Amino acid sequence: MNYEANPSAPRPLLARMLPYILMLLVGYLAAVWYGQWKSRALHDPNAQPRPITPRGQLAQDEESTIELFRANAPAVVFITTTQRSQNSLSFNETELNQGGGSGFVWDKQGHIVTNDHVIANADRAQVTLSDQSVWDATLVGRAPGKDLAVLKITADKNTLKPILLGESNNLSVGQKVFAIGNPFGLDHTLTTGVISALGREIRTNEKTGTVNASRTIDGVIQTDAAINPGNSGGPLLDSAGLLIGVNTAIYSPSGAYAGIGFAIPVDTVNRIVPDLIRNGQLTRPAIGVVPVHDWFTRQQKLKGVLFHDVLPDTPADQAGLEPTRAVKYRRGYRTWQMVDYGDLIIAANGDPISNLDEWFTFLESQKVGQPIELKIIRGLGTEEQEELEIPLTLMESS
């Protein structure tokens, strides 16, 4: 009988995988051994903290800066503002966070000074004191043309520490300055620097009656102390811890701090803030005219101040000042308009007046009841054109 040989049976799976498993095991043991060897080479189980070198006393200028911050930080506040928004479908109102800034305590009555742009267009403002208590604030007054505003809170007088005032008419370039504020909402931050320049000018906008005028804040302090978003409205101090300015703006093409900041001088602040507390707005002496916007004067290629109305029973009315009128003419179906020029103010008390900004600045430097002398041009563009000097007595603006 012939028998055919049977093929060998297949090897079990475990037998086939065993060489690979052994290779993996060897590799793992080698990696563990290498890791332990490397760990012994890199780590010292007996490592201890190094001994501390005694610091010694701080430098005198450091101690002075620390004390300045401790003494003045309680006077600096953080201001947050919100704006109400109404859903057009449900008519539900919500409060949206508008932003924030800094400010400082002006007096024990709870008046808080800040920048006007910090609270502009806000429906609600809250003031956080240094003890972290939060108070609803009431708007007392605004001076947009000077970027200043005053709020009031009802905090206990014992918790309020008014800032100490210095003066800005005797400052020098190179003098040390210190800015305290809340940049980016960070609580009570101190930055230091020097006065980089004096007598700078920055421009703001102010609505006076029916005229929106671009205003200049003059005498502005330029500093390299870091002023960032949230620092606005905070104090700029000298080395004695006295207020010399209110931080208001930075110059930055990129929008970030670039080493140039500006502060409203304290002499201006100390003149305007009491006026806002008394009247709720910046009051200046007046003569009783409604000025024409500068764009019209520039369009006519004139330098000076025109006005389109003279209020009755005012110094301007009593002095016989003549307003500028736009007169419409009609002949048949054709209608055109011509300008009937009134008096053009070109100087006041000998100082040239070329635009509304210079006119308002002049008025702010005067007092109610004070006599002044205007130089005007009458009869513009006519054969009767002449320069006249008109004496007036300033009245209180209404």
Protein backbone atom coordinates (compact mmCIF):
# COMPACT_ATOMS: atom_id res chain seq x y z
CA MET A 1 0.00 0.00 0.00
CA ASN A 2 1.29 3.43 -0.94
CA TYR A 3 0.93 6.32 1.50
CA GLU A 4 1.26 10.00 0.59
CA ALA A 5 3.22 12.16 3.03
CA ASN A 6 1.01 14.76 4.89
CA PRO A 7 2.16 18.44 4.73
CA SER A 8 3.48 19.76 8.03
CA ALA A 9 0.85 21.52 10.23
CA PRO A 10 1.12 25.40 10.42
CA ARG A 11 3.06 26.78 13.40
CA PRO A 12 1.00 28.32 16.20
CA LEU A 13 0.60 32.16 16.16
CA LEU A 14 2.45 32.58 19.46
CA ALA A 15 5.42 30.72 18.09
CA ARG A 16 5.53 32.99 15.06
CA MET A 17 5.29 36.20 17.15
CA LEU A 18 7.77 35.14 19.83
CA PRO A 19 10.89 36.53 18.11
CA TYR A 20 9.25 39.93 17.73
CA ILE A 21 8.07 39.99 21.33
CA LEU A 22 11.60 39.19 22.49
CA MET A 23 12.99 42.01 20.38
CA LEU A 24 10.50 44.50 21.85
CA LEU A 25 11.26 43.35 25.37
CA VAL A 26 14.98 43.75 24.86
CA GLY A 27 14.46 47.22 23.41
CA TYR A 28 12.28 48.24 26.35
CA LEU A 29 14.82 47.00 28.90
CA ALA A 30 17.56 48.84 27.06
CA ALA A 31 15.53 52.08 27.08
CA VAL A 32 14.81 51.74 30.81
CA TRP A 33 18.47 51.13 31.54
CA TYR A 34 19.50 54.12 29.40
CA GLY A 35 16.94 56.39 31.08
CA GLN A 36 18.13 55.40 34.53
CA TRP A 37 21.74 55.92 33.52
CA LYS A 38 20.97 59.34 32.02
CA SER A 39 18.90 60.33 35.07
CA ARG A 40 21.80 59.48 37.34
CA ALA A 41 24.02 61.65 35.14
CA LEU A 42 21.67 64.73 35.05
CA HIS A 43 20.12 64.82 38.51
CA ASP A 44 21.62 65.21 41.93
CA PRO A 45 19.40 63.88 44.71
CA ASN A 46 21.40 65.90 47.26
CA ALA A 47 20.72 69.32 45.66
CA GLN A 48 19.87 72.07 48.17
CA PRO A 49 18.77 75.76 47.90
CA ARG A 50 21.66 78.16 47.58
CA PRO A 51 22.39 80.50 50.48
CA ILE A 52 20.78 83.95 50.20
CA THR A 53 23.01 87.00 49.96
CA PRO A 54 21.78 89.78 52.26
CA ARG A 55 20.28 92.65 50.18
CA GLY A 56 21.13 95.46 52.51
CA GLN A 57 19.23 98.75 52.49
CA LEU A 58 17.49 100.10 49.41
CA ALA A 59 18.97 103.11 47.67
CA GLN A 60 17.60 106.42 48.86
CA ASP A 61 15.86 107.19 45.56
CA GLU A 62 14.22 103.74 45.63
CA GLU A 63 12.91 104.31 49.14
CA SER A 64 11.60 107.71 48.06
CA THR A 65 9.76 106.18 45.09
CA ILE A 66 8.24 103.45 47.26
CA GLU A 67 7.04 105.98 49.80
CA LEU A 68 5.66 108.22 47.06
CA PHE A 69 3.60 105.33 45.70
CA ARG A 70 2.36 104.28 49.15
CA ALA A 71 1.32 107.82 49.97
CA ASN A 72 -0.48 108.57 46.70
CA ALA A 73 -1.95 105.25 45.54
CA PRO A 74 -4.97 105.61 47.89
CA ALA A 75 -5.94 108.80 46.00
CA VAL A 76 -6.03 107.04 42.62
CA VAL A 77 -9.24 105.35 41.46
CA PHE A 78 -10.31 103.04 38.66
CA ILE A 79 -13.29 104.10 36.54
CA THR A 80 -15.42 101.68 34.54
CA THR A 81 -18.16 102.83 32.17
CA THR A 82 -21.11 101.12 30.53
CA GLN A 83 -23.52 102.04 27.78
CA ARG A 84 -27.15 100.95 27.48
CA SER A 85 -28.23 99.12 24.36
CA GLN A 86 -31.83 98.29 23.43
CA ASN A 87 -32.84 95.28 21.37
CA SER A 88 -34.84 96.53 18.39
CA LEU A 89 -37.19 93.51 18.51
CA SER A 90 -37.71 92.78 22.19
CA PHE A 91 -36.99 96.32 23.44
CA ASN A 92 -34.98 94.77 26.27
CA GLU A 93 -32.14 96.94 27.55
CA THR A 94 -28.67 95.60 28.30
CA GLU A 95 -25.58 97.30 29.62
CA LEU A 96 -22.43 96.89 27.56
CA ASN A 97 -18.98 97.49 28.96
CA GLN A 98 -17.66 100.61 27.22
CA GLY A 99 -14.21 100.85 28.73
CA GLY A 100 -12.35 102.25 31.67
CA GLY A 101 -9.70 104.61 32.84
CA SER A 102 -8.14 106.20 35.86
CA GLY A 103 -8.95 109.18 38.02
CA PHE A 104 -8.13 110.63 41.40
CA VAL A 105 -9.87 111.98 44.47
CA TRP A 106 -10.15 115.76 44.34
CA ASP A 107 -11.70 116.49 47.74
CA LYS A 108 -13.42 114.98 50.77
CA GLN A 109 -16.84 115.71 49.21
CA GLY A 110 -16.32 112.79 46.83
CA HIS A 111 -15.39 114.66 43.65
CA ILE A 112 -13.34 112.54 41.24
CA VAL A 113 -11.31 114.08 38.40
CA THR A 114 -10.66 112.17 35.18
CA ASN A 115 -10.38 112.71 31.42
CA ASP A 116 -13.51 113.64 29.52
CA HIS A 117 -12.82 110.96 26.92
CA VAL A 118 -12.93 108.30 29.67
CA ILE A 119 -16.62 108.98 30.40
CA ALA A 120 -17.77 110.42 27.05
CA ASN A 121 -20.91 108.68 25.69
CA ALA A 122 -21.23 106.56 28.85
CA ASP A 123 -24.64 105.97 30.42
CA ARG A 124 -23.20 104.78 33.69
CA ALA A 125 -19.88 105.06 35.52
CA GLN A 126 -18.55 103.29 38.58
CA VAL A 127 -15.54 104.24 40.69
CA THR A 128 -13.38 101.65 42.45
CA LEU A 129 -11.40 103.06 45.37
CA SER A 130 -8.07 101.73 46.61
CA ASP A 131 -9.87 99.65 49.26
CA GLN A 132 -11.66 97.88 46.36
CA SER A 133 -15.05 99.33 47.29
CA VAL A 134 -17.16 100.16 44.22
CA TRP A 135 -19.36 103.26 44.02
CA ASP A 136 -21.88 104.47 41.46
CA ALA A 137 -20.75 107.84 40.14
CA THR A 138 -22.78 110.86 39.11
CA LEU A 139 -21.53 113.18 36.38
CA VAL A 140 -20.92 116.67 37.80
CA GLY A 141 -19.50 118.42 34.76
CA ARG A 142 -17.51 118.09 31.56
CA ALA A 143 -15.02 120.25 29.70
CA PRO A 144 -14.46 118.36 26.41
CA GLY A 145 -12.26 121.12 25.02
CA LYS A 146 -9.83 120.54 27.88
CA ASP A 147 -10.41 116.76 28.15
CA LEU A 148 -11.43 117.03 31.79
CA ALA A 149 -14.48 115.77 33.65
CA VAL A 150 -15.65 115.60 37.27
CA LEU A 151 -17.65 112.76 38.81
CA LYS A 152 -19.03 112.46 42.33
CA ILE A 153 -19.44 109.47 44.65
CA THR A 154 -21.07 109.22 48.07
CA ALA A 155 -18.25 107.37 49.85
CA ASP A 156 -17.54 108.15 53.49
CA LYS A 157 -15.20 111.12 53.91
CA ASN A 158 -12.86 109.04 56.07
CA THR A 159 -12.21 106.67 53.16
CA LEU A 160 -11.33 109.46 50.72
CA LYS A 161 -7.80 110.75 50.44
CA PRO A 162 -7.56 113.81 48.17
CA ILE A 163 -4.41 114.17 46.13
CA LEU A 164 -2.00 116.97 46.98
CA LEU A 165 -1.70 119.72 44.36
CA GLY A 166 1.49 121.23 43.03
CA GLU A 167 2.00 123.75 40.23
CA SER A 168 3.10 123.44 36.64
CA ASN A 169 4.45 126.90 35.84
CA ASN A 170 7.85 126.17 37.36
CA LEU A 171 8.58 122.73 35.87
CA SER A 172 11.84 121.91 34.09
CA VAL A 173 12.77 119.47 31.34
CA GLY A 174 14.59 116.52 32.88
CA GLN A 175 12.61 116.64 36.12
CA LYS A 176 11.52 113.22 37.43
CA VAL A 177 7.84 112.35 37.12
CA PHE A 178 5.69 109.45 38.30
CA ALA A 179 2.43 108.24 36.77
CA ILE A 180 -0.06 106.13 38.74
CA GLY A 181 -3.01 104.53 37.01
CA ASN A 182 -4.74 101.34 35.99
CA PRO A 183 -3.40 100.44 32.53
CA PHE A 184 -5.38 97.64 30.87
CA GLY A 185 -7.41 97.38 34.10
CA LEU A 186 -4.36 96.35 36.17
CA ASP A 187 -4.74 97.76 39.65
CA HIS A 188 -2.53 100.68 40.73
CA THR A 189 0.48 100.59 38.43
CA LEU A 190 3.43 102.95 38.86
CA THR A 191 5.58 104.10 35.95
CA THR A 192 8.45 106.55 36.12
CA GLY A 193 10.23 108.87 33.75
CA VAL A 194 11.22 112.46 33.20
CA ILE A 195 9.68 115.56 31.68
CA SER A 196 10.72 115.37 28.04
CA ALA A 197 9.34 118.74 26.93
CA LEU A 198 7.08 121.56 28.05
CA GLY A 199 4.60 123.81 26.29
CA ARG A 200 3.28 121.19 23.91
CA GLU A 201 -0.17 121.50 22.32
CA ILE A 202 -2.75 118.77 21.75
CA ARG A 203 -6.09 119.16 20.02
CA THR A 204 -9.56 118.17 21.17
CA ASN A 205 -13.12 118.93 20.07
CA GLU A 206 -15.65 121.10 21.85
CA LYS A 207 -19.18 122.12 20.96
CA THR A 208 -19.83 125.75 21.80
CA GLY A 209 -23.43 126.69 21.13
CA THR A 210 -24.08 125.62 17.56
CA VAL A 211 -20.39 125.42 16.66
CA ASN A 212 -18.15 122.36 16.89
CA ALA A 213 -14.70 123.81 17.33
CA SER A 214 -11.33 122.10 17.39
CA ARG A 215 -9.68 123.26 20.60
CA THR A 216 -6.08 123.39 21.71
CA ILE A 217 -4.88 122.46 25.18
CA ASP A 218 -1.72 124.48 25.54
CA GLY A 219 1.12 124.20 28.03
CA VAL A 220 0.87 120.40 27.89
CA ILE A 221 3.58 118.36 29.63
CA GLN A 222 5.39 115.75 27.52
CA THR A 223 6.84 112.79 29.40
CA ASP A 224 8.44 109.43 28.73
CA ALA A 225 6.73 107.81 31.73
CA ALA A 226 4.75 104.92 30.26
CA ILE A 227 1.10 105.87 29.71
CA ASN A 228 -1.04 103.06 28.32
CA PRO A 229 -4.79 102.49 27.84
CA GLY A 230 -6.33 102.75 31.29
CA ASN A 231 -3.80 105.32 32.52
CA SER A 232 -5.90 108.14 31.07
CA GLY A 233 -7.20 110.44 33.79
CA GLY A 234 -4.60 109.35 36.32
CA PRO A 235 -2.21 111.72 38.08
CA LEU A 236 1.27 112.73 36.99
CA LEU A 237 3.31 113.51 40.10
CA ASP A 238 6.61 115.21 40.79
CA SER A 239 9.26 113.77 43.13
CA ALA A 240 7.55 115.41 46.11
CA GLY A 241 4.35 113.46 45.36
CA LEU A 242 2.47 116.57 44.24
CA LEU A 243 0.06 116.59 41.29
CA ILE A 244 1.58 118.41 38.32
CA GLY A 245 -0.63 117.04 35.53
CA VAL A 246 -3.41 114.69 34.43
CA ASN A 247 -2.31 111.96 32.00
CA THR A 248 -4.39 112.31 28.87
CA ALA A 249 -2.86 110.88 25.71
CA ILE A 250 0.04 109.16 24.02
CA TYR A 251 1.63 109.78 20.65
CA SER A 252 1.86 106.45 18.85
CA PRO A 253 1.59 105.72 15.13
CA SER A 254 0.99 102.04 16.01
CA GLY A 255 -1.47 102.62 18.88
CA ALA A 256 0.95 101.17 21.46
CA TYR A 257 3.13 103.11 23.87
CA ALA A 258 6.04 104.68 22.01
CA GLY A 259 7.75 106.73 24.71
CA ILE A 260 5.77 109.95 24.28
CA GLY A 261 2.93 110.75 26.66
CA PHE A 262 1.08 113.96 27.43
CA ALA A 263 -0.45 115.40 30.59
CA ILE A 264 -2.74 118.39 31.10
CA PRO A 265 -0.87 120.84 33.38
CA VAL A 266 -2.19 121.13 36.92
CA ASP A 267 -2.53 124.92 36.68
CA THR A 268 -5.15 124.36 33.97
CA VAL A 269 -6.80 121.59 36.00
CA ASN A 270 -6.98 123.75 39.14
CA ARG A 271 -8.69 126.50 37.16
CA ILE A 272 -11.24 124.32 35.37
CA VAL A 273 -12.25 121.73 38.00
CA PRO A 274 -13.71 124.27 40.49
CA ASP A 275 -15.66 125.79 37.58
CA LEU A 276 -17.11 122.36 36.72
CA ILE A 277 -18.02 121.74 40.36
CA ARG A 278 -19.73 125.14 40.62
CA ASN A 279 -21.50 125.25 37.25
CA GLY A 280 -21.39 121.81 35.67
CA GLN A 281 -19.59 123.18 32.64
CA LEU A 282 -16.65 125.33 31.70
CA THR A 283 -17.76 128.94 31.80
CA ARG A 284 -15.78 131.68 30.15
CA PRO A 285 -16.40 135.39 29.81
CA ALA A 286 -18.33 136.38 26.70
CA ILE A 287 -19.27 139.38 24.60
CA GLY A 288 -22.63 138.06 23.34
CA VAL A 289 -22.01 136.77 19.82
CA VAL A 290 -22.65 133.44 18.08
CA PRO A 291 -19.49 132.65 16.08
CA VAL A 292 -19.29 131.25 12.57
CA HIS A 293 -17.45 127.95 12.12
CA ASP A 294 -13.79 128.19 11.14
CA TRP A 295 -14.31 126.22 7.94
CA PHE A 296 -16.42 129.05 6.54
CA THR A 297 -13.84 131.68 7.48
CA ARG A 298 -11.06 129.62 5.89
CA GLN A 299 -13.22 129.11 2.81
CA GLN A 300 -13.46 132.87 2.48
CA LYS A 301 -9.65 133.06 2.90
CA LEU A 302 -9.97 135.19 6.02
CA LYS A 303 -8.06 135.08 9.29
CA GLY A 304 -10.11 136.03 12.31
CA VAL A 305 -13.51 135.35 13.85
CA LEU A 306 -16.83 136.09 12.16
CA PHE A 307 -20.18 135.77 13.93
CA HIS A 308 -23.66 135.28 12.49
CA ASP A 309 -25.64 136.69 15.39
CA VAL A 310 -25.36 139.37 18.04
CA LEU A 311 -27.43 138.68 21.15
CA PRO A 312 -29.58 141.56 22.39
CA ASP A 313 -28.57 143.56 25.46
CA THR A 314 -25.01 142.23 25.46
CA PRO A 315 -21.65 144.03 25.31
CA ALA A 316 -21.41 143.21 21.58
CA ASP A 317 -24.89 144.64 20.97
CA GLN A 318 -24.16 147.76 22.99
CA ALA A 319 -20.88 148.27 21.11
CA GLY A 320 -22.70 148.02 17.76
CA LEU A 321 -20.90 144.96 16.40
CA GLU A 322 -22.33 143.80 13.09
CA PRO A 323 -22.95 140.09 12.26
CA THR A 324 -22.27 138.29 8.98
CA ARG A 325 -25.38 137.40 7.00
CA ALA A 326 -26.04 135.12 4.05
CA VAL A 327 -28.37 137.07 1.75
CA LYS A 328 -30.41 135.35 -0.97
CA TYR A 329 -31.14 137.24 -4.19
CA ARG A 330 -33.76 136.31 -6.74
CA ARG A 331 -34.38 137.60 -10.22
CA GLY A 332 -37.04 135.79 -12.22
CA TYR A 333 -36.36 132.07 -11.95
CA ARG A 334 -32.77 132.57 -10.88
CA THR A 335 -31.74 132.52 -7.20
CA TRP A 336 -28.27 132.98 -5.77
CA GLN A 337 -26.72 133.66 -2.39
CA MET A 338 -24.17 136.26 -1.39
CA VAL A 339 -22.37 136.86 1.89
CA ASP A 340 -22.93 140.18 3.56
CA TYR A 341 -19.84 140.36 5.76
CA GLY A 342 -20.12 141.72 9.26
CA ASP A 343 -17.26 142.61 11.58
CA LEU A 344 -14.18 140.37 11.59
CA ILE A 345 -12.35 140.14 14.92
CA ILE A 346 -8.62 140.08 14.22
CA ALA A 347 -7.10 140.96 17.62
CA ALA A 348 -8.01 141.22 21.31
CA ASN A 349 -5.99 143.31 23.76
CA GLY A 350 -3.26 143.47 21.13
CA ASP A 351 -3.02 139.68 20.69
CA PRO A 352 -3.74 138.41 17.15
CA ILE A 353 -6.91 136.32 16.77
CA SER A 354 -6.90 134.15 13.65
CA ASN A 355 -9.46 131.44 14.54
CA LEU A 356 -12.01 130.31 17.10
CA ASP A 357 -9.47 128.38 19.12
CA GLU A 358 -7.41 131.52 19.73
CA TRP A 359 -10.59 133.47 20.51
CA PHE A 360 -11.77 130.96 23.13
CA THR A 361 -8.29 130.73 24.62
CA PHE A 362 -8.22 134.50 24.98
CA LEU A 363 -11.63 134.56 26.67
CA GLU A 364 -10.58 131.84 29.11
CA SER A 365 -7.67 134.01 30.21
CA GLN A 366 -9.99 136.91 31.12
CA LYS A 367 -12.51 137.54 33.90
CA VAL A 368 -16.15 138.61 33.92
CA GLY A 369 -16.46 142.40 34.23
CA GLN A 370 -12.99 142.99 32.82
CA PRO A 371 -12.65 145.61 30.06
CA ILE A 372 -11.05 144.51 26.80
CA GLU A 373 -10.32 146.08 23.44
CA LEU A 374 -11.10 144.35 20.16
CA LYS A 375 -9.58 145.16 16.80
CA ILE A 376 -12.04 144.47 14.00
CA ILE A 377 -12.28 144.91 10.25
CA ARG A 378 -15.56 146.46 9.16
CA GLY A 379 -16.87 146.60 5.61
CA LEU A 380 -14.93 143.62 4.31
CA GLY A 381 -14.49 143.66 0.56
CA THR A 382 -15.96 147.16 0.13
CA GLU A 383 -14.46 150.55 -0.48
CA GLU A 384 -15.41 151.49 3.08
CA GLN A 385 -13.28 148.68 4.63
CA GLU A 386 -11.52 149.92 7.75
CA GLU A 387 -9.91 148.74 10.98
CA LEU A 388 -11.56 149.82 14.20
CA GLU A 389 -10.77 149.38 17.88
CA ILE A 390 -13.85 148.61 19.97
CA PRO A 391 -13.83 148.72 23.79
CA LEU A 392 -16.03 146.15 25.59
CA THR A 393 -16.68 144.87 29.08
CA LEU A 394 -16.90 141.11 29.37
CA MET A 395 -20.10 139.51 30.59
CA GLU A 396 -20.70 136.06 32.08
CA SER A 397 -21.42 133.45 29.43
CA SER A 398 -24.89 131.93 29.56
